[in-house]
Amino acid sequence: MLRLLRKKVLVCNRRGSYIYSGLQKLLPLSSPLLLKARYLSTNNSNSEPHRAPKIDAPGFKKIFLVAIFGTLIFVKTVQSLDKNKPKTSLSEEEFENVVKGLKRRVAIFPHGEIDVTFSLLPTVDETRKILRRSQSNKTSEAQFVDPVKVIDYYRTSKDDRYEALLNEYYNKYGPDTYIDNLPTGMLVMLLGKYLKENYKVGDKVVVVNFPRSISDATKFENEVSIVSKILVPKESKDSKICKYYETVEKVDVI
């Protein structure tokens, strides 16, 4: 038995070393092809470092577009908040745009609700004296409005939307002439606002030192109230305003 095993070993040495797996024959361990494959496999594993898997990161263009899109959303959000925020002041340009945008002209006091008289006399005291002499006890029923005091009232009201604009004109032109330089229509608009806030149906009101132009007179009657008459001192009977109201027979020369 021992001799038979030795004989088989010698036969294997002569034919070369082979590996058997069941009945399937493989390449000899000393085969050149097998040696070359082992060399390449070993060399590649030693020479090439392990590479991390590639990450698909966003490019610069994508990041730029996302930033732009985010900025637009932020701007729109701020604009929407600004629109909802109530304005507390108006610039001259904004006031003029508001006046131009008023397409519907409706008087604050329809005809007959209040009795409005204009006086071209410069002060309340002078007007009151004239009315007392001419109308006796009826004068006590009238209430006097001085446009200068009305404008100063809104100029010094911190919560009023026109406060900043009025102070701008006050600082620019001074206390004596800034009212004469207000944007067109602003004096009449503020007079109407004051009358609406302080007077009611049936009241008698005398507006002194007004109107200052025919434009003021027509605007007041279109947007505030119809005037019953105008008191004109003798030295002003040839003025344009007096001539204008003479055509409708509302002039009372005093």
Protein backbone atom coordinates (compact mmCIF):
# COMPACT_ATOMS: atom_id res chain seq x y z
CA MET A 1 0.00 0.00 0.00
CA LEU A 2 2.81 2.42 0.86
CA ARG A 3 4.57 1.62 -2.39
CA LEU A 4 1.41 2.41 -4.36
CA LEU A 5 1.16 5.89 -2.76
CA ARG A 6 4.80 6.71 -3.52
CA LYS A 7 4.25 5.67 -7.14
CA LYS A 8 1.31 8.07 -7.51
CA VAL A 9 3.31 10.93 -6.03
CA LEU A 10 6.13 10.37 -8.52
CA VAL A 11 3.64 10.34 -11.38
CA CYS A 12 2.21 13.67 -10.22
CA ASN A 13 5.68 15.26 -9.97
CA ARG A 14 6.47 14.24 -13.55
CA ARG A 15 3.25 15.61 -15.04
CA GLY A 16 3.23 18.91 -13.05
CA SER A 17 1.19 20.04 -10.11
CA TYR A 18 -2.55 20.26 -10.83
CA ILE A 19 -5.54 21.21 -8.68
CA TYR A 20 -8.66 19.13 -8.91
CA SER A 21 -12.07 20.18 -7.78
CA GLY A 22 -14.30 17.16 -7.96
CA LEU A 23 -14.00 15.92 -11.53
CA GLN A 24 -13.15 19.42 -13.03
CA LYS A 25 -9.50 19.97 -14.04
CA LEU A 26 -7.92 23.45 -13.36
CA LEU A 27 -4.75 25.14 -14.62
CA PRO A 28 -1.45 24.07 -13.17
CA LEU A 29 -0.26 26.21 -10.26
CA SER A 30 2.91 27.00 -12.20
CA SER A 31 1.04 28.08 -15.36
CA PRO A 32 2.33 31.36 -16.91
CA LEU A 33 -1.21 32.68 -17.38
CA LEU A 34 -2.06 32.12 -13.74
CA LEU A 35 1.15 33.75 -12.59
CA LYS A 36 0.49 36.81 -14.80
CA ALA A 37 -3.04 37.19 -13.47
CA ARG A 38 -1.76 36.99 -9.89
CA TYR A 39 0.88 39.67 -10.64
CA LEU A 40 -1.60 42.10 -12.20
CA SER A 41 -4.08 41.63 -9.38
CA THR A 42 -1.42 42.25 -6.72
CA ASN A 43 0.08 45.26 -8.56
CA ASN A 44 -3.28 46.98 -9.07
CA SER A 45 -4.32 46.54 -5.45
CA ASN A 46 -1.04 48.10 -4.24
CA SER A 47 -0.74 50.97 -6.75
CA GLU A 48 -4.30 52.35 -6.92
CA PRO A 49 -5.70 54.00 -3.74
CA HIS A 50 -9.29 53.43 -2.70
CA ARG A 51 -11.57 56.02 -4.37
CA ALA A 52 -14.55 57.45 -2.53
CA PRO A 53 -17.86 57.28 -4.33
CA LYS A 54 -18.54 60.36 -6.49
CA ILE A 55 -21.04 62.83 -4.98
CA ASP A 56 -23.29 64.69 -7.40
CA ALA A 57 -22.91 68.22 -5.85
CA PRO A 58 -24.89 71.17 -7.30
CA GLY A 59 -22.93 73.39 -9.69
CA PHE A 60 -22.30 77.13 -9.37
CA LYS A 61 -25.08 77.92 -11.85
CA LYS A 62 -27.68 76.08 -9.77
CA ILE A 63 -26.54 77.84 -6.57
CA PHE A 64 -26.69 81.25 -8.31
CA LEU A 65 -30.22 80.65 -9.62
CA VAL A 66 -31.42 79.52 -6.19
CA ALA A 67 -29.95 82.68 -4.61
CA ILE A 68 -31.66 84.93 -7.18
CA PHE A 69 -34.98 83.17 -6.71
CA GLY A 70 -34.74 83.49 -2.93
CA THR A 71 -33.95 87.21 -3.20
CA LEU A 72 -37.00 87.83 -5.41
CA ILE A 73 -39.25 86.08 -2.92
CA PHE A 74 -37.82 88.21 -0.09
CA VAL A 75 -38.33 91.48 -2.02
CA LYS A 76 -41.93 90.59 -2.90
CA THR A 77 -42.64 89.74 0.71
CA VAL A 78 -41.26 93.08 1.92
CA GLN A 79 -43.27 94.94 -0.72
CA SER A 80 -46.47 93.19 0.33
CA LEU A 81 -45.80 94.16 3.95
CA ASP A 82 -45.16 97.78 2.93
CA LYS A 83 -48.46 97.87 1.05
CA ASN A 84 -50.34 96.68 4.11
CA LYS A 85 -48.53 99.13 6.38
CA PRO A 86 -50.56 102.36 6.82
CA LYS A 87 -48.81 105.52 5.59
CA THR A 88 -48.34 108.20 8.22
CA SER A 89 -47.05 110.96 5.94
CA LEU A 90 -47.18 112.20 2.35
CA SER A 91 -44.60 113.87 0.15
CA GLU A 92 -45.58 116.71 -2.21
CA GLU A 93 -45.48 114.37 -5.21
CA GLU A 94 -47.66 111.81 -3.42
CA PHE A 95 -50.17 114.51 -2.45
CA GLU A 96 -50.42 115.73 -6.04
CA ASN A 97 -50.98 112.15 -7.22
CA VAL A 98 -53.76 111.74 -4.65
CA VAL A 99 -55.42 114.95 -5.84
CA LYS A 100 -55.17 113.88 -9.48
CA GLY A 101 -56.58 110.47 -8.65
CA LEU A 102 -59.77 111.85 -7.09
CA LYS A 103 -62.10 111.26 -10.03
CA ARG A 104 -65.31 111.38 -8.01
CA ARG A 105 -66.10 114.91 -6.81
CA VAL A 106 -68.70 114.76 -4.04
CA ALA A 107 -69.18 117.68 -1.63
CA ILE A 108 -68.61 116.91 2.03
CA PHE A 109 -71.73 118.89 2.93
CA PRO A 110 -74.49 118.75 0.32
CA HIS A 111 -76.27 121.99 -0.46
CA GLY A 112 -78.19 123.33 2.54
CA GLU A 113 -76.64 121.18 5.26
CA ILE A 114 -74.45 123.99 6.63
CA ASP A 115 -74.41 127.75 6.01
CA VAL A 116 -70.94 128.86 4.86
CA THR A 117 -69.93 132.50 4.42
CA PHE A 118 -66.60 133.69 3.00
CA SER A 119 -64.95 136.84 4.31
CA LEU A 120 -62.13 138.67 2.55
CA LEU A 121 -61.33 140.50 5.77
CA PRO A 122 -57.93 139.38 7.11
CA THR A 123 -58.88 138.42 10.70
CA VAL A 124 -61.67 136.90 12.75
CA ASP A 125 -61.91 140.01 14.98
CA GLU A 126 -62.48 142.39 12.07
CA THR A 127 -65.10 140.10 10.56
CA ARG A 128 -66.89 139.68 13.88
CA LYS A 129 -67.11 143.47 14.38
CA ILE A 130 -68.55 144.02 10.93
CA LEU A 131 -71.15 141.31 11.39
CA ARG A 132 -72.18 142.61 14.82
CA ARG A 133 -72.88 146.06 13.40
CA SER A 134 -74.83 144.75 10.44
CA GLN A 135 -76.65 141.73 11.85
CA SER A 136 -76.91 142.50 15.60
CA ASN A 137 -77.77 139.38 17.64
CA LYS A 138 -77.64 136.94 14.71
CA THR A 139 -73.84 137.11 14.81
CA SER A 140 -73.61 134.98 17.93
CA GLU A 141 -74.83 131.96 15.99
CA ALA A 142 -71.90 132.01 13.56
CA GLN A 143 -68.69 130.10 14.18
CA PHE A 144 -65.44 131.44 12.73
CA VAL A 145 -62.75 129.48 10.95
CA ASP A 146 -59.29 130.91 10.25
CA PRO A 147 -57.44 128.93 7.53
CA VAL A 148 -54.07 129.84 9.07
CA LYS A 149 -55.04 128.23 12.37
CA VAL A 150 -56.48 125.21 10.58
CA ILE A 151 -53.22 124.58 8.71
CA ASP A 152 -51.20 125.10 11.89
CA TYR A 153 -53.46 122.64 13.67
CA TYR A 154 -52.63 119.86 11.20
CA ARG A 155 -48.98 120.91 11.01
CA THR A 156 -48.57 120.39 14.76
CA SER A 157 -50.62 117.16 14.94
CA LYS A 158 -48.01 114.42 15.27
CA ASP A 159 -50.34 111.64 14.16
CA ASP A 160 -51.63 113.47 11.07
CA ARG A 161 -50.44 112.22 7.69
CA TYR A 162 -49.86 115.79 6.41
CA GLU A 163 -47.76 116.91 9.38
CA ALA A 164 -44.38 116.22 7.74
CA LEU A 165 -45.27 117.92 4.45
CA LEU A 166 -46.69 121.02 6.15
CA ASN A 167 -43.59 121.37 8.31
CA GLU A 168 -41.41 121.08 5.23
CA TYR A 169 -43.16 124.13 3.72
CA TYR A 170 -43.15 125.91 7.07
CA ASN A 171 -39.36 125.57 7.35
CA LYS A 172 -38.81 126.50 3.73
CA TYR A 173 -41.05 129.60 3.43
CA GLY A 174 -41.54 130.72 7.03
CA PRO A 175 -44.68 131.14 9.16
CA ASP A 176 -46.05 134.16 7.25
CA THR A 177 -46.03 132.86 3.68
CA TYR A 178 -45.83 129.06 3.77
CA ILE A 179 -49.62 128.71 3.43
CA ASP A 180 -49.53 130.69 0.17
CA ASN A 181 -46.98 128.22 -1.23
CA LEU A 182 -48.74 124.94 -0.42
CA PRO A 183 -49.44 122.51 -3.28
CA THR A 184 -52.50 123.39 -5.34
CA GLY A 185 -55.70 122.35 -3.62
CA MET A 186 -54.13 121.44 -0.28
CA LEU A 187 -55.55 124.45 1.58
CA VAL A 188 -59.12 123.66 0.45
CA MET A 189 -58.68 119.96 1.19
CA LEU A 190 -57.55 120.62 4.76
CA LEU A 191 -60.34 123.17 5.31
CA GLY A 192 -62.87 120.57 4.21
CA LYS A 193 -61.33 117.98 6.50
CA TYR A 194 -61.46 120.39 9.44
CA LEU A 195 -65.10 121.33 8.82
CA LYS A 196 -66.08 117.68 8.54
CA GLU A 197 -64.37 116.83 11.84
CA ASN A 198 -65.71 119.81 13.84
CA TYR A 199 -69.09 120.87 12.44
CA LYS A 200 -72.48 119.28 11.86
CA VAL A 201 -75.61 119.81 9.85
CA GLY A 202 -77.32 123.16 10.60
CA ASP A 203 -74.17 125.01 11.75
CA LYS A 204 -73.32 128.50 10.44
CA VAL A 205 -69.64 128.96 9.58
CA VAL A 206 -67.69 132.03 8.50
CA VAL A 207 -64.32 131.33 6.84
CA VAL A 208 -62.14 134.45 7.11
CA ASN A 209 -59.38 135.62 4.76
CA PHE A 210 -60.63 133.18 2.16
CA PRO A 211 -60.74 132.40 -0.74
CA ARG A 212 -57.34 133.50 -1.94
CA SER A 213 -58.06 132.76 -5.58
CA ILE A 214 -60.94 131.85 -7.87
CA SER A 215 -59.47 128.36 -8.07
CA ASP A 216 -59.80 128.02 -4.27
CA ALA A 217 -63.40 129.28 -4.42
CA THR A 218 -64.55 126.84 -7.12
CA LYS A 219 -62.73 123.90 -5.55
CA PHE A 220 -64.29 124.62 -2.16
CA GLU A 221 -67.83 124.77 -3.58
CA ASN A 222 -67.30 121.60 -5.61
CA GLU A 223 -65.77 119.51 -2.83
CA VAL A 224 -66.78 121.01 0.53
CA SER A 225 -69.95 123.08 0.47
CA ILE A 226 -71.89 125.70 -1.47
CA VAL A 227 -71.29 129.25 -0.18
CA SER A 228 -74.26 131.41 0.76
CA LYS A 229 -72.42 134.76 0.43
CA ILE A 230 -69.05 136.50 0.57
CA LEU A 231 -68.19 139.56 2.65
CA VAL A 232 -66.04 141.99 0.67
CA PRO A 233 -64.47 145.18 2.11
CA LYS A 234 -64.86 148.26 -0.07
CA GLU A 235 -61.19 148.35 -0.99
CA SER A 236 -61.50 144.85 -2.52
CA LYS A 237 -64.72 145.31 -4.52
CA ASP A 238 -62.78 145.45 -7.79
CA SER A 239 -60.92 142.19 -7.15
CA LYS A 240 -61.36 139.17 -9.40
CA ILE A 241 -62.98 137.17 -6.61
CA CYS A 242 -65.56 139.89 -6.01
CA LYS A 243 -66.34 140.07 -9.73
CA TYR A 244 -66.67 136.30 -9.84
CA TYR A 245 -69.28 136.18 -7.04
CA GLU A 246 -71.15 139.20 -8.35
CA THR A 247 -72.27 137.04 -11.28
CA VAL A 248 -74.24 134.84 -8.85
CA GLU A 249 -75.32 137.73 -6.63
CA LYS A 250 -73.58 136.55 -3.46
CA VAL A 251 -71.43 139.62 -2.72
CA ASP A 252 -72.03 141.71 0.40
CA VAL A 253 -69.80 144.82 0.28
CA ILE A 254 -69.04 146.10 3.79
